[in-house]
Amino acid sequence: MEDKHPHIGSSFDDFLAEQGILEQVNARALKRVIAWQLSQAMESRNLTKTEMSERMGTSRTAVDRLLDPANGSVTLLTLEKAASAVGKRLRIELVDG
């Protein structure tokens, strides 16, 4: 009798869901993208972290946390301030799963 691999034909998302970590992985990936987008926007505007913190009305440490792809403890208010500081608008939406 031929052994079949249970994951052949399934997606990576299916595998992550089976492991119970899909939401965690998606959240971390989203944070990495946001951190990268903010870094790129700062770079294109020649903004230092200190200038960014001044524009946001926060500390440089808070900007470091914001730009750290591994740090998921960022609030929506902080994201809104960061977007505004680089001349952007924050857009968050719910989409069908």
PDB file of N, CA and C in Angstrom:
ATOM      1  N   MET A   1       0.839  -1.171   0.000  1.00  0.00           N
ATOM      2  CA  MET A   1       0.000   0.000   0.000  1.00  0.00           C
ATOM      3  C   MET A   1       0.890   1.243   0.000  1.00  0.00           C
ATOM      4  N   GLU A   2       0.520   2.234  -0.778  1.00  0.00           N
ATOM      5  CA  GLU A   2       1.302   3.439  -0.959  1.00  0.00           C
ATOM      6  C   GLU A   2       0.963   4.454   0.136  1.00  0.00           C
ATOM      7  N   ASP A   3       2.006   4.974   0.810  1.00  0.00           N
ATOM      8  CA  ASP A   3       1.811   6.015   1.819  1.00  0.00           C
ATOM      9  C   ASP A   3       1.668   7.355   1.120  1.00  0.00           C
ATOM     10  N   LYS A   4       0.640   8.097   1.499  1.00  0.00           N
ATOM     11  CA  LYS A   4       0.445   9.432   0.947  1.00  0.00           C
ATOM     12  C   LYS A   4       0.842  10.469   1.984  1.00  0.00           C
ATOM     13  N   HIS A   5       1.521  11.502   1.516  1.00  0.00           N
ATOM     14  CA  HIS A   5       1.900  12.591   2.413  1.00  0.00           C
ATOM     15  C   HIS A   5       0.665  13.469   2.628  1.00  0.00           C
ATOM     16  N   PRO A   6       0.321  13.767   3.868  1.00  0.00           N
ATOM     17  CA  PRO A   6      -0.920  14.491   4.145  1.00  0.00           C
ATOM     18  C   PRO A   6      -0.932  15.934   3.632  1.00  0.00           C
ATOM     19  N   HIS A   7       0.236  16.511   3.343  1.00  0.00           N
ATOM     20  CA  HIS A   7       0.280  17.910   2.947  1.00  0.00           C
ATOM     21  C   HIS A   7       0.423  18.109   1.446  1.00  0.00           C
ATOM     22  N   ILE A   8       0.577  17.050   0.693  1.00  0.00           N
ATOM     23  CA  ILE A   8       0.689  17.193  -0.753  1.00  0.00           C
ATOM     24  C   ILE A   8      -0.647  17.683  -1.293  1.00  0.00           C
ATOM     25  N   GLY A   9      -0.585  18.759  -2.053  1.00  0.00           N
ATOM     26  CA  GLY A   9      -1.793  19.338  -2.619  1.00  0.00           C
ATOM     27  C   GLY A   9      -2.416  20.416  -1.758  1.00  0.00           C
ATOM     28  N   SER A  10      -1.937  20.571  -0.530  1.00  0.00           N
ATOM     29  CA  SER A  10      -2.479  21.633   0.316  1.00  0.00           C
ATOM     30  C   SER A  10      -1.573  22.859   0.213  1.00  0.00           C
ATOM     31  N   SER A  11      -2.082  23.993   0.665  1.00  0.00           N
ATOM     32  CA  SER A  11      -1.295  25.225   0.602  1.00  0.00           C
ATOM     33  C   SER A  11      -0.478  25.393   1.880  1.00  0.00           C
ATOM     34  N   PHE A  12       0.473  26.309   1.796  1.00  0.00           N
ATOM     35  CA  PHE A  12       1.274  26.619   2.976  1.00  0.00           C
ATOM     36  C   PHE A  12       0.393  27.223   4.063  1.00  0.00           C
ATOM     37  N   ASP A  13      -0.605  28.020   3.661  1.00  0.00           N
ATOM     38  CA  ASP A  13      -1.546  28.572   4.633  1.00  0.00           C
ATOM     39  C   ASP A  13      -2.304  27.461   5.350  1.00  0.00           C
ATOM     40  N   ASP A  14      -2.677  26.419   4.607  1.00  0.00           N
ATOM     41  CA  ASP A  14      -3.356  25.271   5.218  1.00  0.00           C
ATOM     42  C   ASP A  14      -2.462  24.624   6.271  1.00  0.00           C
ATOM     43  N   PHE A  15      -1.193  24.465   5.929  1.00  0.00           N
ATOM     44  CA  PHE A  15      -0.240  23.868   6.864  1.00  0.00           C
ATOM     45  C   PHE A  15      -0.110  24.720   8.124  1.00  0.00           C
ATOM     46  N   LEU A  16       0.047  26.049   7.939  1.00  0.00           N
ATOM     47  CA  LEU A  16       0.174  26.937   9.095  1.00  0.00           C
ATOM     48  C   LEU A  16      -1.082  26.907   9.958  1.00  0.00           C
ATOM     49  N   ALA A  17      -2.249  26.835   9.323  1.00  0.00           N
ATOM     50  CA  ALA A  17      -3.508  26.747  10.072  1.00  0.00           C
ATOM     51  C   ALA A  17      -3.564  25.453  10.879  1.00  0.00           C
ATOM     52  N   GLU A  18      -3.130  24.350  10.268  1.00  0.00           N
ATOM     53  CA  GLU A  18      -3.107  23.068  10.982  1.00  0.00           C
ATOM     54  C   GLU A  18      -2.190  23.122  12.195  1.00  0.00           C
ATOM     55  N   GLN A  19      -1.114  23.893  12.083  1.00  0.00           N
ATOM     56  CA  GLN A  19      -0.168  24.044  13.185  1.00  0.00           C
ATOM     57  C   GLN A  19      -0.657  25.048  14.227  1.00  0.00           C
ATOM     58  N   GLY A  20      -1.727  25.774  13.896  1.00  0.00           N
ATOM     59  CA  GLY A  20      -2.289  26.759  14.812  1.00  0.00           C
ATOM     60  C   GLY A  20      -1.518  28.063  14.866  1.00  0.00           C
ATOM     61  N   ILE A  21      -0.759  28.367  13.808  1.00  0.00           N
ATOM     62  CA  ILE A  21       0.075  29.574  13.833  1.00  0.00           C
ATOM     63  C   ILE A  21      -0.168  30.510  12.648  1.00  0.00           C
ATOM     64  N   LEU A  22      -1.217  30.285  11.905  1.00  0.00           N
ATOM     65  CA  LEU A  22      -1.471  31.107  10.713  1.00  0.00           C
ATOM     66  C   LEU A  22      -1.622  32.588  11.072  1.00  0.00           C
ATOM     67  N   GLU A  23      -2.425  32.912  12.065  1.00  0.00           N
ATOM     68  CA  GLU A  23      -2.644  34.310  12.433  1.00  0.00           C
ATOM     69  C   GLU A  23      -1.357  34.963  12.907  1.00  0.00           C
ATOM     70  N   GLN A  24      -0.577  34.233  13.692  1.00  0.00           N
ATOM     71  CA  GLN A  24       0.690  34.761  14.211  1.00  0.00           C
ATOM     72  C   GLN A  24       1.655  35.054  13.060  1.00  0.00           C
ATOM     73  N   VAL A  25       1.763  34.135  12.121  1.00  0.00           N
ATOM     74  CA  VAL A  25       2.655  34.305  10.983  1.00  0.00           C
ATOM     75  C   VAL A  25       2.193  35.466  10.107  1.00  0.00           C
ATOM     76  N   ASN A  26       0.895  35.553   9.867  1.00  0.00           N
ATOM     77  CA  ASN A  26       0.366  36.658   9.066  1.00  0.00           C
ATOM     78  C   ASN A  26       0.599  38.009   9.733  1.00  0.00           C
ATOM     79  N   ALA A  27       0.414  38.075  11.047  1.00  0.00           N
ATOM     80  CA  ALA A  27       0.627  39.321  11.786  1.00  0.00           C
ATOM     81  C   ALA A  27       2.093  39.742  11.721  1.00  0.00           C
ATOM     82  N   ARG A  28       2.992  38.787  11.871  1.00  0.00           N
ATOM     83  CA  ARG A  28       4.418  39.108  11.809  1.00  0.00           C
ATOM     84  C   ARG A  28       4.810  39.575  10.408  1.00  0.00           C
ATOM     85  N   ALA A  29       4.267  38.929   9.388  1.00  0.00           N
ATOM     86  CA  ALA A  29       4.566  39.326   8.008  1.00  0.00           C
ATOM     87  C   ALA A  29       4.041  40.733   7.736  1.00  0.00           C
ATOM     88  N   LEU A  30       2.850  41.026   8.220  1.00  0.00           N
ATOM     89  CA  LEU A  30       2.277  42.354   8.034  1.00  0.00           C
ATOM     90  C   LEU A  30       3.130  43.413   8.721  1.00  0.00           C
ATOM     91  N   LYS A  31       3.596  43.129   9.926  1.00  0.00           N
ATOM     92  CA  LYS A  31       4.438  44.084  10.654  1.00  0.00           C
ATOM     93  C   LYS A  31       5.741  44.320   9.903  1.00  0.00           C
ATOM     94  N   ARG A  32       6.310  43.272   9.321  1.00  0.00           N
ATOM     95  CA  ARG A  32       7.546  43.428   8.547  1.00  0.00           C
ATOM     96  C   ARG A  32       7.316  44.339   7.345  1.00  0.00           C
ATOM     97  N   VAL A  33       6.199  44.174   6.682  1.00  0.00           N
ATOM     98  CA  VAL A  33       5.884  44.998   5.512  1.00  0.00           C
ATOM     99  C   VAL A  33       5.699  46.454   5.928  1.00  0.00           C
ATOM    100  N   ILE A  34       4.965  46.690   7.006  1.00  0.00           N
ATOM    101  CA  ILE A  34       4.738  48.061   7.473  1.00  0.00           C
ATOM    102  C   ILE A  34       6.059  48.714   7.875  1.00  0.00           C
ATOM    103  N   ALA A  35       6.896  47.997   8.602  1.00  0.00           N
ATOM    104  CA  ALA A  35       8.196  48.537   9.007  1.00  0.00           C
ATOM    105  C   ALA A  35       9.031  48.881   7.776  1.00  0.00           C
ATOM    106  N   TRP A  36       9.018  48.016   6.783  1.00  0.00           N
ATOM    107  CA  TRP A  36       9.782  48.259   5.559  1.00  0.00           C
ATOM    108  C   TRP A  36       9.228  49.475   4.811  1.00  0.00           C
ATOM    109  N   GLN A  37       7.902  49.558   4.688  1.00  0.00           N
ATOM    110  CA  GLN A  37       7.292  50.697   3.988  1.00  0.00           C
ATOM    111  C   GLN A  37       7.631  52.018   4.684  1.00  0.00           C
ATOM    112  N   LEU A  38       7.579  52.034   6.001  1.00  0.00           N
ATOM    113  CA  LEU A  38       7.921  53.256   6.730  1.00  0.00           C
ATOM    114  C   LEU A  38       9.390  53.607   6.557  1.00  0.00           C
ATOM    115  N   SER A  39      10.257  52.606   6.614  1.00  0.00           N
ATOM    116  CA  SER A  39      11.693  52.855   6.404  1.00  0.00           C
ATOM    117  C   SER A  39      11.947  53.446   5.028  1.00  0.00           C
ATOM    118  N   GLN A  40      11.273  52.893   4.009  1.00  0.00           N
ATOM    119  CA  GLN A  40      11.426  53.397   2.639  1.00  0.00           C
ATOM    120  C   GLN A  40      10.911  54.837   2.527  1.00  0.00           C
ATOM    121  N   ALA A  41       9.774  55.118   3.145  1.00  0.00           N
ATOM    122  CA  ALA A  41       9.216  56.464   3.100  1.00  0.00           C
ATOM    123  C   ALA A  41      10.129  57.456   3.814  1.00  0.00           C
ATOM    124  N   MET A  42      10.694  57.043   4.947  1.00  0.00           N
ATOM    125  CA  MET A  42      11.637  57.907   5.665  1.00  0.00           C
ATOM    126  C   MET A  42      12.870  58.168   4.807  1.00  0.00           C
ATOM    127  N   GLU A  43      13.380  57.125   4.193  1.00  0.00           N
ATOM    128  CA  GLU A  43      14.570  57.258   3.358  1.00  0.00           C
ATOM    129  C   GLU A  43      14.309  58.190   2.172  1.00  0.00           C
ATOM    130  N   SER A  44      13.166  58.043   1.532  1.00  0.00           N
ATOM    131  CA  SER A  44      12.866  58.881   0.362  1.00  0.00           C
ATOM    132  C   SER A  44      12.693  60.348   0.745  1.00  0.00           C
ATOM    133  N   ARG A  45      12.348  60.611   2.005  1.00  0.00           N
ATOM    134  CA  ARG A  45      12.190  61.979   2.491  1.00  0.00           C
ATOM    135  C   ARG A  45      13.407  62.446   3.297  1.00  0.00           C
ATOM    136  N   ASN A  46      14.446  61.616   3.324  1.00  0.00           N
ATOM    137  CA  ASN A  46      15.673  61.919   4.069  1.00  0.00           C
ATOM    138  C   ASN A  46      15.389  62.249   5.535  1.00  0.00           C
ATOM    139  N   LEU A  47      14.495  61.464   6.144  1.00  0.00           N
ATOM    140  CA  LEU A  47      14.158  61.661   7.554  1.00  0.00           C
ATOM    141  C   LEU A  47      14.976  60.732   8.436  1.00  0.00           C
ATOM    142  N   THR A  48      15.571  61.285   9.462  1.00  0.00           N
ATOM    143  CA  THR A  48      16.252  60.464  10.456  1.00  0.00           C
ATOM    144  C   THR A  48      15.213  59.964  11.462  1.00  0.00           C
ATOM    145  N   LYS A  49      15.613  59.035  12.300  1.00  0.00           N
ATOM    146  CA  LYS A  49      14.702  58.552  13.337  1.00  0.00           C
ATOM    147  C   LYS A  49      14.352  59.670  14.315  1.00  0.00           C
ATOM    148  N   THR A  50      15.313  60.531  14.579  1.00  0.00           N
ATOM    149  CA  THR A  50      15.063  61.652  15.484  1.00  0.00           C
ATOM    150  C   THR A  50      14.033  62.600  14.880  1.00  0.00           C
ATOM    151  N   GLU A  51      14.182  62.914  13.598  1.00  0.00           N
ATOM    152  CA  GLU A  51      13.211  63.780  12.926  1.00  0.00           C
ATOM    153  C   GLU A  51      11.835  63.121  12.879  1.00  0.00           C
ATOM    154  N   MET A  52      11.829  61.834  12.647  1.00  0.00           N
ATOM    155  CA  MET A  52      10.571  61.088  12.612  1.00  0.00           C
ATOM    156  C   MET A  52       9.881  61.166  13.975  1.00  0.00           C
ATOM    157  N   SER A  53      10.643  60.965  15.033  1.00  0.00           N
ATOM    158  CA  SER A  53      10.052  61.011  16.375  1.00  0.00           C
ATOM    159  C   SER A  53       9.512  62.403  16.682  1.00  0.00           C
ATOM    160  N   GLU A  54      10.193  63.438  16.229  1.00  0.00           N
ATOM    161  CA  GLU A  54       9.706  64.800  16.449  1.00  0.00           C
ATOM    162  C   GLU A  54       8.395  65.029  15.696  1.00  0.00           C
ATOM    163  N   ARG A  55       8.319  64.581  14.466  1.00  0.00           N
ATOM    164  CA  ARG A  55       7.096  64.732  13.675  1.00  0.00           C
ATOM    165  C   ARG A  55       5.929  63.964  14.283  1.00  0.00           C
ATOM    166  N   MET A  56       6.246  62.819  14.891  1.00  0.00           N
ATOM    167  CA  MET A  56       5.191  61.990  15.491  1.00  0.00           C
ATOM    168  C   MET A  56       4.830  62.439  16.902  1.00  0.00           C
ATOM    169  N   GLY A  57       5.677  63.278  17.507  1.00  0.00           N
ATOM    170  CA  GLY A  57       5.445  63.694  18.885  1.00  0.00           C
ATOM    171  C   GLY A  57       5.681  62.568  19.860  1.00  0.00           C
ATOM    172  N   THR A  58       6.714  61.782  19.593  1.00  0.00           N
ATOM    173  CA  THR A  58       7.024  60.618  20.431  1.00  0.00           C
ATOM    174  C   THR A  58       8.535  60.509  20.620  1.00  0.00           C
ATOM    175  N   SER A  59       8.968  59.452  21.251  1.00  0.00           N
ATOM    176  CA  SER A  59      10.398  59.259  21.503  1.00  0.00           C
ATOM    177  C   SER A  59      11.067  58.507  20.357  1.00  0.00           C
ATOM    178  N   ARG A  60      12.367  58.620  20.312  1.00  0.00           N
ATOM    179  CA  ARG A  60      13.110  57.868  19.297  1.00  0.00           C
ATOM    180  C   ARG A  60      12.992  56.368  19.579  1.00  0.00           C
ATOM    181  N   THR A  61      12.885  55.987  20.828  1.00  0.00           N
ATOM    182  CA  THR A  61      12.705  54.582  21.189  1.00  0.00           C
ATOM    183  C   THR A  61      11.413  54.034  20.592  1.00  0.00           C
ATOM    184  N   ALA A  62      10.361  54.845  20.612  1.00  0.00           N
ATOM    185  CA  ALA A  62       9.088  54.414  20.026  1.00  0.00           C
ATOM    186  C   ALA A  62       9.238  54.212  18.518  1.00  0.00           C
ATOM    187  N   VAL A  63      10.019  55.068  17.864  1.00  0.00           N
ATOM    188  CA  VAL A  63      10.266  54.916  16.427  1.00  0.00           C
ATOM    189  C   VAL A  63      11.075  53.646  16.177  1.00  0.00           C
ATOM    190  N   ASP A  64      12.046  53.373  17.039  1.00  0.00           N
ATOM    191  CA  ASP A  64      12.817  52.125  16.909  1.00  0.00           C
ATOM    192  C   ASP A  64      11.895  50.909  16.990  1.00  0.00           C
ATOM    193  N   ARG A  65      10.948  50.918  17.933  1.00  0.00           N
ATOM    194  CA  ARG A  65       9.994  49.812  18.060  1.00  0.00           C
ATOM    195  C   ARG A  65       9.127  49.703  16.810  1.00  0.00           C
ATOM    196  N   LEU A  66       8.702  50.847  16.306  1.00  0.00           N
ATOM    197  CA  LEU A  66       7.867  50.892  15.113  1.00  0.00           C
ATOM    198  C   LEU A  66       8.585  50.291  13.912  1.00  0.00           C
ATOM    199  N   LEU A  67       9.873  50.560  13.778  1.00  0.00           N
ATOM    200  CA  LEU A  67      10.648  50.100  12.634  1.00  0.00           C
ATOM    201  C   LEU A  67      11.231  48.702  12.821  1.00  0.00           C
ATOM    202  N   ASP A  68      11.063  48.139  14.015  1.00  0.00           N
ATOM    203  CA  ASP A  68      11.556  46.787  14.297  1.00  0.00           C
ATOM    204  C   ASP A  68      10.541  45.777  13.767  1.00  0.00           C
ATOM    205  N   PRO A  69      10.901  45.026  12.710  1.00  0.00           N
ATOM    206  CA  PRO A  69       9.948  44.087  12.119  1.00  0.00           C
ATOM    207  C   PRO A  69       9.474  43.008  13.080  1.00  0.00           C
ATOM    208  N   ALA A  70      10.251  42.717  14.107  1.00  0.00           N
ATOM    209  CA  ALA A  70       9.894  41.651  15.045  1.00  0.00           C
ATOM    210  C   ALA A  70       9.024  42.147  16.199  1.00  0.00           C
ATOM    211  N   ASN A  71       8.881  43.462  16.333  1.00  0.00           N
ATOM    212  CA  ASN A  71       8.123  44.011  17.451  1.00  0.00           C
ATOM    213  C   ASN A  71       6.684  44.241  17.011  1.00  0.00           C
ATOM    214  N   GLY A  72       5.777  43.451  17.524  1.00  0.00           N
ATOM    215  CA  GLY A  72       4.377  43.537  17.140  1.00  0.00           C
ATOM    216  C   GLY A  72       3.534  44.399  18.052  1.00  0.00           C
ATOM    217  N   SER A  73       4.150  45.069  19.009  1.00  0.00           N
ATOM    218  CA  SER A  73       3.375  45.846  19.977  1.00  0.00           C
ATOM    219  C   SER A  73       3.259  47.305  19.543  1.00  0.00           C
ATOM    220  N   VAL A  74       2.685  47.522  18.383  1.00  0.00           N
ATOM    221  CA  VAL A  74       2.492  48.868  17.855  1.00  0.00           C
ATOM    222  C   VAL A  74       0.998  49.143  17.794  1.00  0.00           C
ATOM    223  N   THR A  75       0.604  50.314  18.259  1.00  0.00           N
ATOM    224  CA  THR A  75      -0.814  50.642  18.274  1.00  0.00           C
ATOM    225  C   THR A  75      -1.250  51.282  16.952  1.00  0.00           C
ATOM    226  N   LEU A  76      -2.537  51.284  16.724  1.00  0.00           N
ATOM    227  CA  LEU A  76      -3.075  51.937  15.534  1.00  0.00           C
ATOM    228  C   LEU A  76      -2.791  53.437  15.564  1.00  0.00           C
ATOM    229  N   LEU A  77      -2.839  54.039  16.730  1.00  0.00           N
ATOM    230  CA  LEU A  77      -2.547  55.464  16.853  1.00  0.00           C
ATOM    231  C   LEU A  77      -1.106  55.755  16.428  1.00  0.00           C
ATOM    232  N   THR A  78      -0.182  54.910  16.853  1.00  0.00           N
ATOM    233  CA  THR A  78       1.217  55.085  16.475  1.00  0.00           C
ATOM    234  C   THR A  78       1.386  54.934  14.966  1.00  0.00           C
ATOM    235  N   LEU A  79       0.719  53.952  14.387  1.00  0.00           N
ATOM    236  CA  LEU A  79       0.791  53.766  12.940  1.00  0.00           C
ATOM    237  C   LEU A  79       0.218  54.974  12.206  1.00  0.00           C
ATOM    238  N   GLU A  80      -0.877  55.511  12.718  1.00  0.00           N
ATOM    239  CA  GLU A  80      -1.502  56.696  12.116  1.00  0.00           C
ATOM    240  C   GLU A  80      -0.549  57.890  12.164  1.00  0.00           C
ATOM    241  N   LYS A  81       0.086  58.095  13.311  1.00  0.00           N
ATOM    242  CA  LYS A  81       1.049  59.197  13.449  1.00  0.00           C
ATOM    243  C   LYS A  81       2.238  59.011  12.512  1.00  0.00           C
ATOM    244  N   ALA A  82       2.721  57.781  12.407  1.00  0.00           N
ATOM    245  CA  ALA A  82       3.871  57.494  11.540  1.00  0.00           C
ATOM    246  C   ALA A  82       3.523  57.744  10.078  1.00  0.00           C
ATOM    247  N   ALA A  83       2.348  57.303   9.674  1.00  0.00           N
ATOM    248  CA  ALA A  83       1.921  57.522   8.290  1.00  0.00           C
ATOM    249  C   ALA A  83       1.850  59.013   7.994  1.00  0.00           C
ATOM    250  N   SER A  84       1.252  59.763   8.879  1.00  0.00           N
ATOM    251  CA  SER A  84       1.131  61.205   8.704  1.00  0.00           C
ATOM    252  C   SER A  84       2.508  61.873   8.652  1.00  0.00           C
ATOM    253  N   ALA A  85       3.430  61.404   9.471  1.00  0.00           N
ATOM    254  CA  ALA A  85       4.774  61.989   9.533  1.00  0.00           C
ATOM    255  C   ALA A  85       5.538  61.846   8.220  1.00  0.00           C
ATOM    256  N   VAL A  86       5.193  60.831   7.432  1.00  0.00           N
ATOM    257  CA  VAL A  86       5.870  60.635   6.140  1.00  0.00           C
ATOM    258  C   VAL A  86       4.959  61.005   4.965  1.00  0.00           C
ATOM    259  N   GLY A  87       3.888  61.734   5.267  1.00  0.00           N
ATOM    260  CA  GLY A  87       3.003  62.196   4.215  1.00  0.00           C
ATOM    261  C   GLY A  87       2.109  61.126   3.622  1.00  0.00           C
ATOM    262  N   LYS A  88       1.830  60.117   4.409  1.00  0.00           N
ATOM    263  CA  LYS A  88       0.976  59.015   3.950  1.00  0.00           C
ATOM    264  C   LYS A  88      -0.290  58.972   4.792  1.00  0.00           C
ATOM    265  N   ARG A  89      -1.191  58.104   4.393  1.00  0.00           N
ATOM    266  CA  ARG A  89      -2.437  57.851   5.105  1.00  0.00           C
ATOM    267  C   ARG A  89      -2.496  56.366   5.407  1.00  0.00           C
ATOM    268  N   LEU A  90      -2.893  56.020   6.603  1.00  0.00           N
ATOM    269  CA  LEU A  90      -3.011  54.617   6.993  1.00  0.00           C
ATOM    270  C   LEU A  90      -4.370  54.097   6.549  1.00  0.00           C
ATOM    271  N   ARG A  91      -4.361  52.931   5.911  1.00  0.00           N
ATOM    272  CA  ARG A  91      -5.612  52.291   5.496  1.00  0.00           C
ATOM    273  C   ARG A  91      -5.585  50.852   5.986  1.00  0.00           C
ATOM    274  N   ILE A  92      -6.604  50.491   6.746  1.00  0.00           N
ATOM    275  CA  ILE A  92      -6.737  49.129   7.264  1.00  0.00           C
ATOM    276  C   ILE A  92      -8.102  48.635   6.829  1.00  0.00           C
ATOM    277  N   GLU A  93      -8.160  47.412   6.353  1.00  0.00           N
ATOM    278  CA  GLU A  93      -9.443  46.885   5.907  1.00  0.00           C
ATOM    279  C   GLU A  93      -9.584  45.422   6.287  1.00  0.00           C
ATOM    280  N   LEU A  94     -10.812  45.007   6.441  1.00  0.00           N
ATOM    281  CA  LEU A  94     -11.119  43.596   6.659  1.00  0.00           C
ATOM    282  C   LEU A  94     -11.472  42.993   5.314  1.00  0.00           C
ATOM    283  N   VAL A  95     -10.912  41.821   5.033  1.00  0.00           N
ATOM    284  CA  VAL A  95     -11.197  41.137   3.787  1.00  0.00           C
ATOM    285  C   VAL A  95     -11.694  39.738   4.093  1.00  0.00           C
ATOM    286  N   ASP A  96     -12.417  39.171   3.173  1.00  0.00           N
ATOM    287  CA  ASP A  96     -12.928  37.820   3.363  1.00  0.00           C
ATOM    288  C   ASP A  96     -11.768  36.834   3.469  1.00  0.00           C
ATOM    289  N   GLY A  97     -11.943  35.851   4.343  1.00  0.00           N
ATOM    290  CA  GLY A  97     -10.924  34.838   4.553  1.00  0.00           C
ATOM    291  C   GLY A  97     -11.035  33.797   3.564  1.00  0.00           C
TER     292      GLY A  97
END
